Protein backbone atom coordinates (compact mmCIF):
# COMPACT_ATOMS: atom_id res chain seq x y z
CA MET A 1 -82.29 15.26 82.80
CA GLU A 2 -82.66 11.51 82.27
CA LEU A 3 -79.97 9.55 80.47
CA THR A 4 -80.35 5.95 79.34
CA LEU A 5 -77.06 4.19 79.96
CA ALA A 6 -75.94 1.34 77.77
CA PRO A 7 -74.67 -1.91 79.33
CA ASN A 8 -71.08 -1.68 80.53
CA PRO A 9 -68.43 -4.36 81.18
CA LEU A 10 -69.67 -4.86 84.77
CA HIS A 11 -73.43 -4.59 84.23
CA ASP A 12 -75.08 -6.17 81.19
CA GLN A 13 -78.41 -4.29 81.33
CA PRO A 14 -79.41 -0.75 80.32
CA GLN A 15 -80.17 1.60 83.21
CA THR A 16 -81.50 5.12 83.69
CA LEU A 17 -79.45 7.89 85.29
CA HIS A 18 -81.29 10.92 86.67
CA ILE A 19 -79.10 14.04 86.54
CA ASN A 20 -80.09 17.09 88.54
CA LYS A 21 -77.43 19.35 87.00
CA VAL A 22 -74.70 17.12 88.50
CA ALA A 23 -74.62 13.36 89.16
CA THR A 24 -71.66 12.28 91.32
CA LEU A 25 -70.78 8.59 91.18
CA ILE A 26 -69.18 7.11 94.29
CA GLY A 27 -68.07 3.61 95.22
CA GLU A 28 -65.02 1.52 95.95
CA ASN A 29 -62.21 1.03 93.46
CA GLY A 30 -63.27 -1.28 90.66
CA CYS A 31 -67.00 -0.80 91.28
CA GLY A 32 -67.60 0.50 87.75
CA LYS A 33 -67.80 4.30 88.08
CA SER A 34 -65.44 4.87 85.17
CA SER A 35 -67.17 2.12 83.19
CA ILE A 36 -70.39 4.13 83.32
CA LEU A 37 -68.65 7.29 82.11
CA GLN A 38 -66.95 5.37 79.34
CA SER A 39 -70.22 3.80 78.19
CA VAL A 40 -71.74 7.30 77.78
CA PHE A 41 -68.64 8.50 75.94
CA GLU A 42 -68.51 5.50 73.60
CA GLN A 43 -72.23 5.67 72.83
CA ARG A 44 -71.78 9.30 71.78
CA LEU A 45 -68.64 8.54 69.79
CA SER A 46 -70.45 5.85 67.82
CA LYS A 47 -73.56 8.03 67.46
CA GLN A 48 -75.69 5.25 68.92
CA ALA A 49 -77.14 7.50 71.62
CA HIS A 50 -77.07 10.99 73.20
CA GLN A 51 -76.84 12.73 69.82
CA HIS A 52 -78.70 15.73 71.22
CA LEU A 53 -75.72 16.37 73.50
CA ASN A 54 -72.21 17.71 72.99
CA VAL A 55 -70.12 15.46 75.22
CA VAL A 56 -66.85 16.76 76.69
CA CYS A 57 -64.83 14.22 78.66
CA PHE A 58 -61.97 14.91 81.05
CA SER A 59 -59.67 12.51 82.88
CA SER A 60 -57.27 13.61 85.61
CA GLY A 61 -54.72 11.13 84.29
CA GLN A 62 -53.97 9.69 80.89
CA ASN A 63 -56.56 7.04 80.08
CA GLU A 64 -55.77 4.91 77.08
CA ASN A 65 -59.32 3.56 76.87
CA TYR A 66 -60.57 7.08 76.17
CA SER A 67 -57.66 8.41 74.12
CA GLU A 68 -57.42 5.41 71.81
CA LYS A 69 -61.13 5.33 71.06
CA PHE A 70 -61.17 9.11 70.64
CA SER A 71 -58.29 8.92 68.16
CA ASN A 72 -60.09 6.21 66.20
CA TYR A 73 -63.25 8.31 66.26
CA LEU A 74 -61.43 11.35 64.83
CA LYS A 75 -59.94 9.26 62.06
CA ARG A 76 -63.32 7.70 61.29
CA GLU A 77 -65.03 11.10 61.22
CA ARG A 78 -62.44 12.53 58.84
CA GLN A 79 -62.75 9.56 56.51
CA ALA A 80 -66.54 9.98 56.51
CA GLY A 81 -66.17 13.66 55.64
CA ARG A 82 -67.31 15.01 58.98
CA GLY A 83 -63.97 16.01 60.47
CA LEU A 84 -63.96 16.54 64.21
CA GLY A 85 -67.46 17.91 64.33
CA LEU A 86 -66.91 18.95 67.94
CA GLU A 87 -69.75 16.79 69.16
CA CYS A 88 -67.72 14.54 71.43
CA LEU A 89 -64.31 15.47 72.78
CA TYR A 90 -61.78 13.94 75.15
CA PHE A 91 -59.07 15.92 76.94
CA ASP A 92 -56.37 14.90 79.36
CA LYS A 93 -53.34 16.76 80.74
CA PRO A 94 -51.38 17.19 77.45
CA TRP A 95 -54.21 19.46 76.26
CA SER A 96 -54.21 21.65 79.37
CA LYS A 97 -51.86 24.46 78.30
CA LEU A 98 -53.54 24.96 74.96
CA LEU A 99 -57.04 25.08 76.45
CA ILE A 100 -56.07 27.38 79.34
CA PHE A 101 -54.45 29.71 76.82
CA LEU A 102 -57.57 29.77 74.64
CA ALA A 103 -59.75 30.42 77.66
CA THR A 104 -57.82 33.46 78.90
CA ALA A 105 -57.39 34.78 75.35
CA THR A 106 -61.03 34.49 74.28
CA LYS A 107 -63.16 34.52 77.45
CA ARG A 108 -62.51 37.86 79.16
CA SER A 109 -65.17 37.22 81.83
CA GLY A 110 -64.39 33.54 82.20
CA LYS A 111 -63.25 31.64 85.27
CA VAL A 112 -59.71 31.21 83.93
CA ARG A 113 -59.20 34.93 83.44
CA SER A 114 -60.69 35.71 86.88
CA PHE A 115 -58.41 33.16 88.56
CA LEU A 116 -55.31 34.52 86.82
CA CYS A 117 -56.20 38.11 87.62
CA GLU A 118 -56.84 37.32 91.30
CA GLY A 119 -53.42 35.67 91.52
CA GLY A 120 -51.68 38.58 89.78
CA TYR A 121 -50.61 36.27 86.97
CA VAL A 122 -51.89 38.43 84.10
CA THR A 123 -52.14 42.10 83.16
CA GLU A 124 -55.24 43.35 81.37
CA SER A 125 -55.50 46.31 79.04
CA GLN A 126 -57.48 49.25 80.40
CA THR A 127 -59.75 49.27 77.36
CA GLY A 128 -61.14 45.94 76.22
CA HIS A 129 -59.61 43.99 79.13
CA ASP A 130 -57.39 41.95 76.80
CA ASP A 131 -54.82 39.63 78.35
CA GLN A 132 -51.55 41.43 77.61
CA SER A 133 -49.15 39.04 79.34
CA THR A 134 -49.99 35.41 78.54
CA VAL A 135 -47.95 33.74 75.81
CA LEU A 136 -48.21 30.19 74.41
CA LYS A 137 -44.89 28.85 73.13
CA CYS A 138 -45.09 25.74 70.96
CA ALA A 139 -43.53 23.88 68.04
CA PHE A 140 -45.30 24.38 64.72
CA ARG A 141 -44.85 22.75 61.33
CA ILE A 142 -46.55 22.20 57.97
CA ASP A 143 -45.45 18.90 56.47
CA LYS A 144 -44.72 17.92 52.87
CA ASN A 145 -47.99 16.01 52.48
CA TYR A 146 -50.11 19.04 53.24
CA ILE A 147 -48.02 21.26 50.93
CA THR A 148 -48.48 18.71 48.13
CA ARG A 149 -52.24 18.86 48.57
CA ILE A 150 -52.19 22.67 48.52
CA GLN A 151 -50.12 22.71 45.33
CA ASP A 152 -52.47 20.18 43.75
CA ALA A 153 -55.41 22.43 44.64
CA LEU A 154 -53.60 25.39 43.07
CA GLN A 155 -53.07 23.45 39.80
CA ARG A 156 -56.76 22.54 39.70
CA GLU A 157 -57.73 26.17 40.22
CA VAL A 158 -55.56 27.17 37.24
CA SER A 159 -57.64 24.71 35.20
CA GLY A 160 -60.78 26.52 36.31
CA GLU A 161 -61.85 24.25 39.16
CA THR A 162 -63.52 25.85 42.18
CA GLY A 163 -64.19 24.64 45.70
CA THR A 164 -60.69 23.25 46.27
CA LEU A 165 -58.83 22.82 49.54
CA ARG A 166 -57.50 26.39 49.24
CA SER A 167 -61.02 27.80 49.40
CA THR A 168 -62.00 26.04 52.61
CA ALA A 169 -62.59 27.90 55.85
CA TYR A 170 -59.90 25.88 57.57
CA PHE A 171 -57.22 26.76 55.03
CA ARG A 172 -58.17 30.43 55.14
CA THR A 173 -57.82 30.35 58.93
CA LEU A 174 -54.51 28.50 58.72
CA ASP A 175 -53.21 31.03 56.19
CA SER A 176 -54.22 33.91 58.46
CA PHE A 177 -52.59 32.20 61.45
CA VAL A 178 -49.29 31.69 59.62
CA ASN A 179 -49.29 35.29 58.37
CA THR A 180 -49.93 36.57 61.91
CA PHE A 181 -47.45 34.48 63.89
CA ILE A 182 -44.84 33.12 61.46
CA SER A 183 -44.36 34.92 58.14
CA ARG A 184 -46.38 37.07 55.77
CA ASP A 185 -44.23 35.73 52.91
CA PHE A 186 -45.10 32.05 53.32
CA GLU A 187 -46.85 30.86 50.15
CA PHE A 188 -47.45 27.16 50.97
CA ASP A 189 -45.04 26.16 48.22
CA ASN A 190 -42.54 24.40 50.50
CA PRO A 191 -42.89 22.53 53.81
CA LEU A 192 -42.46 24.55 56.98
CA ARG A 193 -39.97 22.79 59.18
CA LYS A 194 -40.78 22.45 62.85
CA GLN A 195 -39.96 25.69 64.61
CA SER A 196 -40.76 27.34 67.91
CA ILE A 197 -43.38 30.08 67.76
CA GLU A 198 -44.89 32.43 70.33
CA ILE A 199 -48.63 33.14 70.31
CA SER A 200 -49.61 36.17 72.39
CA ALA A 201 -53.08 36.12 73.87
CA ASN A 202 -53.75 39.72 72.84
CA ARG A 203 -52.78 39.01 69.20
CA LEU A 204 -55.06 36.01 68.73
CA ILE A 205 -57.75 38.43 67.65
CA ASP A 206 -55.60 39.30 64.61
CA VAL A 207 -56.26 35.85 63.15
CA SER A 208 -59.30 35.57 60.90
CA PHE A 209 -61.04 32.49 62.28
CA ASP A 210 -63.37 31.58 59.45
CA TYR A 211 -66.62 29.63 59.63
CA PRO A 212 -66.92 26.63 57.31
CA ARG A 213 -69.99 25.46 55.50
CA GLN A 214 -71.95 22.57 56.95
CA VAL A 215 -70.69 19.09 56.11
CA GLN A 216 -72.89 17.19 53.69
CA ALA A 217 -73.68 13.53 54.30
CA GLY A 218 -71.66 11.10 52.22
CA GLU A 219 -68.71 13.36 51.51
CA GLU A 220 -65.47 11.41 51.43
CA ASP A 221 -61.70 11.86 51.50
CA ALA A 222 -61.87 14.75 53.95
CA GLU A 223 -58.94 15.30 56.25
CA VAL A 224 -57.79 17.94 58.71
CA GLY A 225 -57.63 21.18 56.76
CA ASP A 226 -60.41 20.25 54.34
CA GLU A 227 -63.65 22.15 54.14
CA ASN A 228 -65.36 18.82 54.79
CA SER A 229 -63.64 18.62 58.17
CA GLN A 230 -66.10 21.10 59.59
CA ALA A 231 -64.27 23.42 61.94
CA GLN A 232 -66.99 23.69 64.52
CA ALA A 233 -70.27 22.45 65.81
CA ASP A 234 -72.89 25.14 66.22
CA SER A 235 -72.21 25.70 69.91
CA PHE A 236 -68.42 26.00 69.90
CA ALA A 237 -66.25 28.87 68.68
CA PRO A 238 -64.13 28.50 65.50
CA GLU A 239 -60.83 29.29 67.27
CA ILE A 240 -61.40 26.30 69.57
CA SER A 241 -62.07 24.11 66.55
CA PHE A 242 -59.01 25.37 64.71
CA PHE A 243 -56.60 24.67 67.56
CA THR A 244 -58.23 21.34 68.42
CA GLN A 245 -57.77 20.14 64.86
CA ALA A 246 -54.29 21.65 64.56
CA ALA A 247 -53.11 19.88 67.74
CA ASP A 248 -54.84 16.56 67.13
CA ASN A 249 -52.07 13.99 66.76
CA ASP A 250 -49.68 16.99 66.62
CA TYR A 251 -50.80 17.68 63.05
CA PHE A 252 -49.59 21.30 63.00
CA ILE A 253 -49.01 22.05 66.70
CA ASP A 254 -46.93 19.76 68.93
CA LYS A 255 -48.83 19.67 72.24
CA SER A 256 -45.94 18.14 74.15
CA SER A 257 -43.73 21.12 73.33
CA CYS A 258 -46.15 23.75 74.64
CA LYS A 259 -45.16 26.19 77.38
CA LEU A 260 -47.56 28.71 78.85
CA THR A 261 -46.11 31.83 80.49
CA PHE A 262 -47.76 34.64 82.44
CA ASN A 263 -46.52 37.83 84.11
CA ASN A 264 -42.77 38.08 84.76
CA GLY A 265 -42.08 34.85 82.89
CA LEU A 266 -44.00 32.68 85.40
CA GLU A 267 -44.79 29.33 83.74
CA LEU A 268 -47.95 27.32 84.24
CA ASP A 269 -45.79 24.37 85.31
CA GLN A 270 -44.61 26.41 88.31
CA LEU A 271 -48.12 26.53 89.79
CA SER A 272 -49.17 23.87 92.27
CA ASP A 273 -50.78 20.71 90.94
CA GLY A 274 -54.06 21.84 92.46
CA GLU A 275 -54.00 25.30 90.85
CA TYR A 276 -52.96 23.72 87.55
CA GLN A 277 -55.86 21.27 87.58
CA LEU A 278 -58.39 23.86 88.69
CA LEU A 279 -57.37 26.12 85.80
CA PHE A 280 -57.73 23.20 83.38
CA LEU A 281 -61.26 22.52 84.64
CA TYR A 282 -62.11 26.21 84.49
CA ALA A 283 -60.92 26.24 80.87
CA LEU A 284 -63.18 23.34 79.93
CA ILE A 285 -66.18 25.11 81.43
CA ASP A 286 -65.28 28.47 79.86
CA LEU A 287 -64.82 26.99 76.40
CA PHE A 288 -67.46 24.28 76.16
CA ASP A 289 -70.30 24.95 78.59
CA GLY A 290 -73.71 25.34 77.00
CA PRO A 291 -77.29 24.10 77.48
CA SER A 292 -76.63 20.99 75.37
CA THR A 293 -73.23 20.14 76.88
CA LEU A 294 -72.72 17.03 78.99
CA PHE A 295 -69.39 17.00 80.86
CA LEU A 296 -67.88 13.67 81.94
CA PHE A 297 -65.34 14.34 84.71
CA ASP A 298 -63.38 11.32 85.92
CA GLU A 299 -61.90 12.23 89.33
CA ALA A 300 -61.68 15.90 88.45
CA ASP A 301 -61.12 16.73 92.13
CA SER A 302 -57.87 14.81 92.48
CA HIS A 303 -54.86 16.96 93.52
CA LEU A 304 -57.15 19.82 94.61
CA HIS A 305 -56.80 21.56 97.98
CA TYR A 306 -60.01 21.27 99.99
CA LYS A 307 -60.79 24.97 99.43
CA ASN A 308 -60.46 24.45 95.68
CA VAL A 309 -62.67 21.37 95.99
CA GLU A 310 -65.39 23.68 97.28
CA LYS A 311 -64.81 26.04 94.33
CA LEU A 312 -65.05 23.12 91.89
CA TRP A 313 -68.44 21.96 93.14
CA THR A 314 -69.79 25.49 93.29
CA LEU A 315 -68.76 25.87 89.65
CA LEU A 316 -70.23 22.54 88.49
CA HIS A 317 -73.59 23.27 90.05
CA SER A 318 -73.74 26.62 88.25
CA ILE A 319 -73.04 25.42 84.68
CA GLN A 320 -75.56 25.75 81.86
CA GLY A 321 -75.21 22.11 80.87
CA ASN A 322 -75.01 18.94 82.96
CA ALA A 323 -72.17 16.86 84.39
CA ILE A 324 -71.49 13.29 85.48
CA THR A 325 -68.53 13.05 87.83
CA THR A 326 -66.68 10.43 89.84
CA THR A 327 -64.91 10.95 93.15
CA HIS A 328 -63.24 9.23 96.09
CA LEU A 329 -62.88 12.37 98.21
CA LEU A 330 -64.89 12.88 101.38
CA ASP A 331 -64.59 16.66 100.87
CA SER A 332 -66.37 16.30 97.53
CA ILE A 333 -69.07 13.96 98.76
CA SER A 334 -69.80 16.16 101.77
CA ALA A 335 -69.69 19.42 99.77
CA LYS A 336 -72.81 21.43 100.56
CA GLU A 337 -73.75 21.61 96.87
CA ASN A 338 -73.82 17.80 96.60
CA ARG A 339 -77.18 16.89 98.05
CA ILE A 340 -78.46 13.35 98.35
CA GLU A 341 -80.13 13.42 94.93
CA HIS A 342 -76.76 14.27 93.35
CA LEU A 343 -74.90 11.30 94.90
CA LYS A 344 -75.13 7.93 93.15
CA VAL A 345 -73.75 4.76 94.72
CA VAL A 346 -72.25 2.38 92.15
CA GLU A 347 -71.88 -1.37 92.71
CA ARG A 348 -70.60 -3.70 89.98
CA GLY A 349 -71.34 -1.17 87.25
CA GLN A 350 -74.90 -0.51 88.43
CA ILE A 351 -76.31 2.63 90.02
CA ASN A 352 -78.03 1.27 93.12
CA GLU A 353 -80.71 3.49 94.68
CA ASN A 354 -81.99 0.77 97.03
CA ASN A 355 -81.15 1.52 100.67
CA LYS A 356 -79.12 4.44 99.34
CA ILE A 357 -78.45 6.07 102.68
CA LYS A 358 -77.21 2.81 104.19
CA GLN A 359 -74.87 2.23 101.26
CA LEU A 360 -73.69 5.82 101.28
CA ILE A 361 -72.80 5.79 104.96
CA ASN A 362 -71.19 2.36 104.70
CA ARG A 363 -69.04 3.69 101.87
CA LEU A 364 -68.13 6.95 103.58
CA SER A 365 -67.33 5.31 106.89
CA ILE A 366 -64.29 3.86 105.14
CA LEU A 367 -63.10 7.41 104.42
CA SER A 368 -63.77 8.97 107.81
CA ARG A 369 -65.17 8.39 111.28
CA THR A 370 -68.64 6.90 111.05
CA LYS A 371 -70.36 9.39 113.34
CA SER A 372 -69.15 12.47 111.49
CA VAL A 373 -70.00 10.81 108.18
CA GLU A 374 -73.54 10.13 109.33
CA PHE A 375 -74.03 13.78 110.20
CA GLU A 376 -72.43 14.95 106.92
CA VAL A 377 -74.84 12.77 104.91
CA MET A 378 -78.00 13.18 106.94
CA GLY A 379 -77.60 16.96 107.18
CA LYS A 380 -78.15 17.06 103.42
CA ILE A 381 -81.67 15.64 103.74
CA PRO A 382 -84.73 17.80 104.46
CA PHE A 383 -87.02 14.99 105.66
CA LEU A 384 -85.65 12.12 107.76
CA ALA A 385 -87.26 9.00 109.16
CA LEU A 386 -85.23 7.15 111.81
CA LEU A 387 -86.29 3.52 112.18
CA ASP A 388 -84.94 0.41 113.87
CA ASP A 389 -84.05 -1.11 110.49
CA TYR A 390 -83.80 0.11 106.91
CA ASN A 391 -86.26 -2.59 105.80
CA ASP A 392 -88.92 -1.29 108.20
CA TRP A 393 -89.60 1.67 105.89
CA HIS A 394 -89.92 -0.59 102.86
CA ILE A 395 -92.42 -2.85 104.65
CA PHE A 396 -94.39 0.18 105.86
CA THR A 397 -94.66 1.76 102.38
CA LYS A 398 -95.72 -1.52 100.78
CA LEU A 399 -98.44 -2.04 103.40
CA ALA A 400 -99.56 1.58 102.99
CA GLU A 401 -99.74 1.12 99.23
CA LYS A 402 -101.89 -2.00 99.65
CA LYS A 403 -104.10 -0.01 102.04
CA GLY A 404 -104.74 2.46 99.22
CA CYS A 405 -102.35 5.24 100.27
CA ASP A 406 -100.47 7.32 97.68
CA ILE A 407 -96.91 6.38 98.64
CA ALA A 408 -95.48 8.70 95.98
CA ARG A 409 -96.08 11.43 98.56
CA LEU A 410 -93.46 9.77 100.79
CA VAL A 411 -90.70 9.81 98.19
CA SER A 412 -89.02 12.91 99.69
CA ILE A 413 -88.41 11.12 103.00
CA GLN A 414 -85.11 9.31 103.50
CA PRO A 415 -85.12 6.39 105.97
CA PHE A 416 -82.14 5.84 108.24
CA LYS A 417 -81.39 2.99 110.63
CA LYS A 418 -80.99 3.98 114.27
CA THR A 419 -81.95 1.23 116.70
CA SER A 420 -83.68 2.15 119.97
CA SER A 421 -85.00 -1.03 121.62
CA PHE A 422 -87.13 -0.98 124.77
CA THR A 423 -86.59 -4.12 126.86
CA THR A 424 -86.66 -2.93 130.51
CA ASP A 425 -88.35 -0.19 132.51
CA ALA A 426 -85.00 1.62 132.66
CA ASP A 427 -85.08 2.17 128.91
CA VAL A 428 -86.52 5.31 127.33
CA LEU A 429 -88.60 4.70 124.23
CA GLY A 430 -86.69 6.23 121.34
CA GLY A 431 -83.86 7.38 123.64
CA PRO A 432 -80.95 6.48 121.28
CA LYS A 433 -82.81 8.08 118.36
CA ILE A 434 -83.24 11.33 120.31
CA ASP A 435 -79.56 11.25 121.35
CA TRP A 436 -78.57 10.89 117.69
CA VAL A 437 -80.71 13.90 116.72
CA LYS A 438 -79.00 15.92 119.46
CA GLY A 439 -75.66 14.96 117.92
CA LEU A 440 -76.85 16.10 114.51
CA SER A 441 -78.08 19.41 115.91
CA ALA A 442 -74.73 20.05 117.62
CA SER A 443 -72.58 19.04 114.64
CA GLU A 444 -70.87 21.71 112.54
CA THR A 445 -71.98 20.20 109.26
CA GLU A 446 -74.13 22.18 106.81
CA LYS A 447 -77.79 21.26 107.36
CA ILE A 448 -80.98 21.63 105.35
CA THR A 449 -82.96 19.43 107.74
CA SER A 450 -86.61 20.38 108.22
CA LYS A 451 -88.57 17.43 109.66
CA ILE A 452 -87.38 14.33 111.55
CA PHE A 453 -89.72 11.41 112.24
CA LEU A 454 -88.51 9.04 114.98
CA ILE A 455 -90.47 5.83 114.29
CA CYS A 456 -89.92 3.38 117.14
CA ASP A 457 -90.69 -0.28 117.60
CA ARG A 458 -92.94 -0.67 120.62
CA ASP A 459 -91.12 -3.76 121.94
CA GLU A 460 -92.00 -4.13 125.64
CA ALA A 461 -93.06 -0.49 126.15
CA ASN A 462 -96.54 0.70 127.07
CA PRO A 463 -96.53 4.35 126.04
CA ASN A 464 -99.43 6.72 125.70
CA TRP A 465 -100.41 7.77 122.19
CA ASN A 466 -101.95 11.05 121.16
CA PRO A 467 -105.66 10.23 120.71
CA ASN A 468 -105.92 12.65 117.80
CA ASP A 469 -103.44 10.79 115.59
CA SER A 470 -102.79 7.43 117.35
CA VAL A 471 -99.08 7.46 116.42
CA GLN A 472 -97.38 10.29 118.35
CA VAL A 473 -96.03 9.36 121.79
CA THR A 474 -97.23 11.70 124.56
CA GLY A 475 -96.26 12.35 128.18
CA GLN A 476 -94.14 14.90 130.03
CA THR A 477 -90.98 12.74 129.87
CA TYR A 478 -91.06 12.58 126.10
CA LYS A 479 -92.04 16.23 125.63
CA LYS A 480 -89.01 17.27 127.68
CA LEU A 481 -86.73 15.02 125.64
CA ILE A 482 -87.90 16.55 122.38
CA LYS A 483 -87.60 20.11 123.76
CA SER A 484 -84.04 19.34 124.91
CA ILE A 485 -82.93 19.21 121.25
CA LYS A 486 -81.37 22.61 120.46
CA TRP A 487 -80.79 23.71 116.88
CA PRO A 488 -78.51 26.51 115.63
CA ASN A 489 -80.03 29.94 115.18
CA GLY A 490 -82.07 30.25 112.04
CA LEU A 491 -82.67 26.49 111.67
CA ASN A 492 -86.23 25.44 112.41
CA VAL A 493 -86.34 21.65 112.66
CA GLN A 494 -89.38 19.75 113.93
CA THR A 495 -88.82 16.35 115.56
CA PHE A 496 -91.68 13.91 116.10
CA LEU A 497 -91.50 10.87 118.39
CA LEU A 498 -93.76 8.16 116.94
CA ALA A 499 -94.27 4.48 117.77
CA TRP A 500 -96.07 1.48 116.38
CA LYS A 501 -98.88 0.10 118.52
CA ARG A 502 -97.59 -3.36 117.70
CA ARG A 503 -94.25 -4.82 118.79
CA GLU A 504 -92.67 -4.02 115.42
CA ILE A 505 -93.57 -3.45 111.78
CA LYS A 506 -93.54 -7.19 110.97
CA ASN A 507 -96.49 -7.71 113.31
CA TYR A 508 -98.56 -5.84 110.72
CA LEU A 509 -97.78 -8.63 108.25
CA LEU A 510 -99.77 -11.11 110.37
CA SER A 511 -102.72 -11.84 108.09
CA TYR A 512 -105.30 -14.63 108.16
CA SER A 513 -105.42 -14.89 104.36
CA ALA A 514 -101.67 -14.72 103.71
CA LEU A 515 -100.73 -17.19 106.47
CA SER A 516 -103.55 -19.55 105.44
CA HIS A 517 -102.26 -19.50 101.87
CA HIS A 518 -98.85 -20.64 103.13
CA ARG A 519 -100.49 -23.12 105.54
CA VAL A 520 -98.81 -21.68 108.62
CA LEU A 521 -101.79 -20.00 110.28
CA ASN A 522 -101.33 -22.42 113.18
CA LEU A 523 -98.12 -20.59 114.13
CA VAL A 524 -100.34 -17.70 115.26
CA ASN A 525 -103.74 -19.17 115.97
CA ASN A 526 -102.78 -21.63 118.70
CA GLY A 527 -102.94 -22.16 122.44
CA ASN A 528 -100.46 -19.38 123.15
CA ILE A 529 -103.17 -16.74 122.70
CA ALA A 530 -106.85 -16.59 123.59
CA ALA A 531 -109.20 -17.89 120.91
CA VAL A 532 -111.02 -14.57 120.89
CA ASP A 533 -107.77 -12.95 119.64
CA TYR A 534 -107.23 -15.37 116.75
CA LEU A 535 -106.67 -13.89 113.32
CA GLN A 536 -109.93 -13.88 111.36
CA GLN A 537 -110.66 -13.48 107.68
CA ASN A 538 -111.19 -9.83 106.64
CA GLN A 539 -110.32 -8.56 110.13
CA THR A 540 -107.25 -6.53 111.13
CA GLY A 541 -106.28 -8.45 114.26
CA ASP A 542 -105.88 -5.26 116.28
CA ASN A 543 -105.79 -6.82 119.74
CA ASP A 544 -103.15 -7.06 122.46
CA SER A 545 -102.24 -10.68 121.69
CA ILE A 546 -101.39 -9.91 118.04
CA ARG A 547 -99.78 -6.59 118.94
CA LYS A 548 -97.37 -8.06 121.50
CA MET A 549 -96.51 -11.47 120.04
CA GLN A 550 -93.22 -12.35 118.35
CA ALA A 551 -94.15 -12.35 114.66
CA LYS A 552 -90.79 -13.24 113.14
CA ASP A 553 -91.10 -17.02 113.48
CA ALA A 554 -94.24 -16.97 111.36
CA VAL A 555 -93.35 -14.24 108.88
CA ASP A 556 -89.57 -14.35 108.26
CA PRO A 557 -89.46 -17.69 106.38
CA LEU A 558 -92.06 -16.33 103.96
CA ILE A 559 -90.34 -13.04 103.09
CA ASN A 560 -86.62 -13.74 103.60
CA THR A 561 -84.01 -15.45 101.44
CA GLU A 562 -81.02 -17.13 103.03
CA GLY A 563 -77.88 -15.06 102.67
CA ILE A 564 -79.86 -11.99 101.62
CA GLY A 565 -82.35 -11.30 104.39
CA LEU A 566 -85.53 -9.50 103.39
CA ASP A 567 -86.34 -10.41 99.78
CA PHE A 568 -88.31 -7.56 98.23
CA ASP A 569 -89.91 -9.84 95.63
CA LYS A 570 -91.05 -12.33 98.27
CA LEU A 571 -92.33 -9.49 100.45
CA GLN A 572 -94.37 -8.08 97.56
CA ALA A 573 -95.79 -11.51 96.75
CA TYR A 574 -96.76 -11.99 100.41
CA ILE A 575 -98.42 -8.56 100.73
CA ASP A 576 -100.35 -9.24 97.51
CA LEU A 577 -102.08 -12.04 99.44
CA ILE A 578 -103.27 -9.68 102.21
CA PRO A 579 -106.76 -8.19 101.69
CA GLU A 580 -106.97 -4.47 102.46
CA ASP A 581 -109.44 -5.22 105.28
CA GLU A 582 -106.77 -7.27 107.07
CA ILE A 583 -104.28 -4.39 107.25
CA SER A 584 -104.41 -2.37 110.47
CA GLU A 585 -105.55 1.24 110.53
CA ASP A 586 -102.24 1.91 112.34
CA ILE A 587 -100.58 1.90 108.90
CA THR A 588 -103.00 4.52 107.57
CA ASN A 589 -102.63 6.61 110.73
CA MET A 590 -98.83 6.65 110.42
CA TYR A 591 -99.07 7.57 106.73
CA ASN A 592 -101.56 10.37 107.38
CA PHE A 593 -99.50 11.82 110.21
CA ILE A 594 -96.31 11.93 108.15
CA ILE A 595 -97.76 13.46 104.98
CA GLY A 596 -99.64 15.94 107.14
CA LYS A 597 -96.32 17.32 108.38
CA LEU A 598 -94.59 17.60 104.99
């Protein structure tokens, strides 16, 4: 699913978020993760965007930014005659007991009921599997204002008027609820003072939860309890709507007074914080999950034991709808369900996919030891390319594109920086890269790795290349090194040792036309190389002088920006100046080898 995000306080431009069931936002404190969630929530509240989605937002702590805007939204919807509508909801901890109760009472096969049964917290009936032990205790009242409106409706009915408040679905449900749990003699002629009531899960079925008619546009003066305050959206059950409206601003039910008890008088508050939170999350999924639901979970994994963290992510990746989450936990980021496409690095309110792996590892290294973090992250990637610098892959793909290659076929490959210079005869070309792969193979992290391409700078080396592909390094020494990599049983990973025929990737940027345009051709075509090896117009320059020379002095000032390094815009402008005929076939050979192995 693609979601267009509105500007947020830290990023003043719209952006697109790709959600593959779950999108997990990570970044340092203050980077704007919550700002992104809030922008989605507020856009849905104001009906400016995402109207095809039912948005359900959860915060692990009380968040006034959400709760205040949600309260204003509810008031605005009631005044406009739409009531709650159940299109966009916000829940924090004060709602937990009510929602957990509704989940175990109404969702017999739900996650909440399963959790409670596994813990021995509830007893089910032999027939029907009703929850026979859970009880919600709360304070309930019907105030004078509501009674006055009911009596006014009664007077109008005596005069022959129809369609009054007393005929609405909400009132009929409220009347049934009062008759079931408070008194069959209550006639709505006097206020009902606040009193403690007990709602048994197995008796909730005795209440007639009525369906209202659809709200008509332009209806006014509707409040909680009116027919106009539609009790449900199409995808949510009427009992959820009834209790949500009844507990909103403690209209009938005082949320702060609620107590939830299970078998043998055990209270929900006696469970650990982790169990408590997991049950709350289970309840949200049980009650609101559907194909059109978008969950916004702000640090939903806080307080959870690592085993429950695993359960949470397994659950989120199995929902019918979609979810955007935030997290600071390494256990969540490294969860096997959270693959690279699910993780989104946020910087200053912007989702930054550039050099994603570099950013991800830099972020995670703060949370754990760098080496283990590298293996946790890279084990999630099927196709890896290890290069001497992250920018090397970008330069390669841009040159390949200019050469006419379809670089969209390379999108599944994730580049990763692992330097392996060759400066003396004692060095082994690609040695550090191969050592890193051995570390990955021996690590205990979950792996989905399939292909690893070790793309080495040539530097001072003089290796032999496979004549069939011109990129794969051959020789007994290197074959033995590759064969020395041992993978766990059942994991078939192919590792390829490749090398440029030039000193490094920047040597492929040496172009007669581009350097002439910038009037620096003399930095290459000079007395330091033989005239026969000079760069020529519409020729590739594939000779030993161009291959082995230091290209940075000529190229870096044209593609770098001070304080930034490689400037992608400058690089693109420079490559635009290079005719296809001046780009080496080495680029095409590397491209063809890689896509041939995917």
